[in-house]
Amino acid sequence: MVLMMNKSKVSTTYRLALVKTADPDKDGLVRKLVLQYKNVDAGRKYKKGGYGFSETERAIHNVVVIKPVDWSQEDVEAAVGQTGEI
């Protein structure tokens, strides 16, 4: 889970998102993520059956990783692994 930054000319907001893929580049470093988030906009009426999910690609600089409070550094490294997959 991450917080995904949405910038506009007026303000910056964050949405809760799930990391779908985190593929490393040729040099082995992850620079982009594919994120899935609930597509709900303020002011829109709720539709029966709920809102759909959207996917977007973001640079790692525009997300904040959320980790459980009780996880140690070893738990985080085990969850991320060598390939960058979460």
C-alpha atoms as a PDB file:
ATOM      1  CA  MET A   1       0.000   0.000   0.000  1.00  0.00           C
ATOM      2  CA  VAL A   2       1.184   3.482  -0.836  1.00  0.00           C
ATOM      3  CA  LEU A   3      -0.048   7.048  -0.845  1.00  0.00           C
ATOM      4  CA  MET A   4      -0.073   8.287  -4.438  1.00  0.00           C
ATOM      5  CA  MET A   5       0.554  12.017  -4.934  1.00  0.00           C
ATOM      6  CA  ASN A   6      -1.782  13.949  -7.248  1.00  0.00           C
ATOM      7  CA  LYS A   7      -0.528  17.434  -8.085  1.00  0.00           C
ATOM      8  CA  SER A   8      -2.614  20.200  -9.555  1.00  0.00           C
ATOM      9  CA  LYS A   9      -2.051  23.917  -9.981  1.00  0.00           C
ATOM     10  CA  VAL A  10      -4.143  24.604  -6.887  1.00  0.00           C
ATOM     11  CA  SER A  11      -3.208  21.844  -4.440  1.00  0.00           C
ATOM     12  CA  THR A  12      -1.576  18.493  -3.844  1.00  0.00           C
ATOM     13  CA  THR A  13      -3.675  15.546  -2.685  1.00  0.00           C
ATOM     14  CA  TYR A  14      -2.893  11.930  -1.882  1.00  0.00           C
ATOM     15  CA  ARG A  15      -4.855   8.759  -2.678  1.00  0.00           C
ATOM     16  CA  LEU A  16      -4.470   5.323  -1.155  1.00  0.00           C
ATOM     17  CA  ALA A  17      -3.247   2.882  -3.817  1.00  0.00           C
ATOM     18  CA  LEU A  18      -2.140  -0.715  -4.220  1.00  0.00           C
ATOM     19  CA  VAL A  19       1.128  -1.488  -6.006  1.00  0.00           C
ATOM     20  CA  LYS A  20       0.363  -3.821  -8.926  1.00  0.00           C
ATOM     21  CA  THR A  21       3.891  -4.045 -10.379  1.00  0.00           C
ATOM     22  CA  ALA A  22       7.315  -2.675  -9.551  1.00  0.00           C
ATOM     23  CA  ASP A  23       9.585  -3.833 -12.361  1.00  0.00           C
ATOM     24  CA  PRO A  24      13.282  -2.985 -12.209  1.00  0.00           C
ATOM     25  CA  ASP A  25      15.046  -1.280 -15.143  1.00  0.00           C
ATOM     26  CA  LYS A  26      18.089  -2.700 -16.935  1.00  0.00           C
ATOM     27  CA  ASP A  27      20.308  -1.598 -14.062  1.00  0.00           C
ATOM     28  CA  GLY A  28      18.137  -3.385 -11.468  1.00  0.00           C
ATOM     29  CA  LEU A  29      16.611  -0.263  -9.877  1.00  0.00           C
ATOM     30  CA  VAL A  30      12.859   0.323  -9.661  1.00  0.00           C
ATOM     31  CA  ARG A  31      11.905   3.765 -10.937  1.00  0.00           C
ATOM     32  CA  LYS A  32       8.241   3.361 -11.936  1.00  0.00           C
ATOM     33  CA  LEU A  33       5.270   1.612 -10.352  1.00  0.00           C
ATOM     34  CA  VAL A  34       1.895   0.561 -11.705  1.00  0.00           C
ATOM     35  CA  LEU A  35      -0.683   1.508  -9.082  1.00  0.00           C
ATOM     36  CA  GLN A  36      -4.347   0.599  -8.671  1.00  0.00           C
ATOM     37  CA  TYR A  37      -6.704   2.971  -6.836  1.00  0.00           C
ATOM     38  CA  LYS A  38     -10.415   3.438  -6.254  1.00  0.00           C
ATOM     39  CA  ASN A  39     -11.786   5.944  -8.754  1.00  0.00           C
ATOM     40  CA  VAL A  40     -13.875   8.236  -6.542  1.00  0.00           C
ATOM     41  CA  ASP A  41     -14.042  11.975  -7.178  1.00  0.00           C
ATOM     42  CA  ALA A  42     -15.377  14.488  -4.696  1.00  0.00           C
ATOM     43  CA  GLY A  43     -18.830  15.690  -5.659  1.00  0.00           C
ATOM     44  CA  ARG A  44     -19.744  12.619  -7.709  1.00  0.00           C
ATOM     45  CA  LYS A  45     -22.812  10.714  -6.670  1.00  0.00           C
ATOM     46  CA  TYR A  46     -22.393   7.148  -5.467  1.00  0.00           C
ATOM     47  CA  LYS A  47     -23.477   4.660  -8.092  1.00  0.00           C
ATOM     48  CA  LYS A  48     -25.017   1.307  -7.319  1.00  0.00           C
ATOM     49  CA  GLY A  49     -22.405  -1.427  -7.299  1.00  0.00           C
ATOM     50  CA  GLY A  50     -19.648   0.922  -6.127  1.00  0.00           C
ATOM     51  CA  TYR A  51     -16.905   2.714  -7.946  1.00  0.00           C
ATOM     52  CA  GLY A  52     -14.481   1.074 -10.300  1.00  0.00           C
ATOM     53  CA  PHE A  53     -10.739   0.811  -9.935  1.00  0.00           C
ATOM     54  CA  SER A  54      -8.252   2.643 -12.133  1.00  0.00           C
ATOM     55  CA  GLU A  55      -4.604   1.917 -12.856  1.00  0.00           C
ATOM     56  CA  THR A  56      -1.861   4.435 -13.424  1.00  0.00           C
ATOM     57  CA  GLU A  57       1.907   4.489 -13.709  1.00  0.00           C
ATOM     58  CA  ARG A  58       3.862   6.743 -11.338  1.00  0.00           C
ATOM     59  CA  ALA A  59       7.495   7.497 -10.621  1.00  0.00           C
ATOM     60  CA  ILE A  60       8.682   6.252  -7.242  1.00  0.00           C
ATOM     61  CA  HIS A  61       9.293   9.879  -6.229  1.00  0.00           C
ATOM     62  CA  ASN A  62       5.525  10.495  -6.256  1.00  0.00           C
ATOM     63  CA  VAL A  63       4.519   7.793  -3.767  1.00  0.00           C
ATOM     64  CA  VAL A  64       4.867   7.283  -0.028  1.00  0.00           C
ATOM     65  CA  VAL A  65       5.183   3.673   1.155  1.00  0.00           C
ATOM     66  CA  ILE A  66       2.909   2.676   4.031  1.00  0.00           C
ATOM     67  CA  LYS A  67       4.102  -0.166   6.242  1.00  0.00           C
ATOM     68  CA  PRO A  68       2.502  -1.759   9.300  1.00  0.00           C
ATOM     69  CA  VAL A  69       3.734  -0.340  12.609  1.00  0.00           C
ATOM     70  CA  ASP A  70       4.833  -3.727  13.911  1.00  0.00           C
ATOM     71  CA  TRP A  71       7.071  -4.565  10.902  1.00  0.00           C
ATOM     72  CA  SER A  72      10.829  -4.599  11.398  1.00  0.00           C
ATOM     73  CA  GLN A  73      13.335  -3.624   8.701  1.00  0.00           C
ATOM     74  CA  GLU A  74      13.852  -7.340   7.982  1.00  0.00           C
ATOM     75  CA  ASP A  75      10.081  -7.772   7.396  1.00  0.00           C
ATOM     76  CA  VAL A  76      10.101  -4.892   4.904  1.00  0.00           C
ATOM     77  CA  GLU A  77      13.112  -6.299   3.035  1.00  0.00           C
ATOM     78  CA  ALA A  78      11.520  -9.760   2.946  1.00  0.00           C
ATOM     79  CA  ALA A  79       8.259  -8.319   1.541  1.00  0.00           C
ATOM     80  CA  VAL A  80      10.034  -6.277  -1.124  1.00  0.00           C
ATOM     81  CA  GLY A  81      12.579  -8.948  -2.075  1.00  0.00           C
ATOM     82  CA  GLN A  82      15.450  -8.586  -4.524  1.00  0.00           C
ATOM     83  CA  THR A  83      13.294  -7.928  -7.613  1.00  0.00           C
ATOM     84  CA  GLY A  84      11.398  -4.998  -6.142  1.00  0.00           C
ATOM     85  CA  GLU A  85       8.080  -6.852  -6.277  1.00  0.00           C
ATOM     86  CA  ILE A  86       5.753  -6.240  -3.380  1.00  0.00           C
END
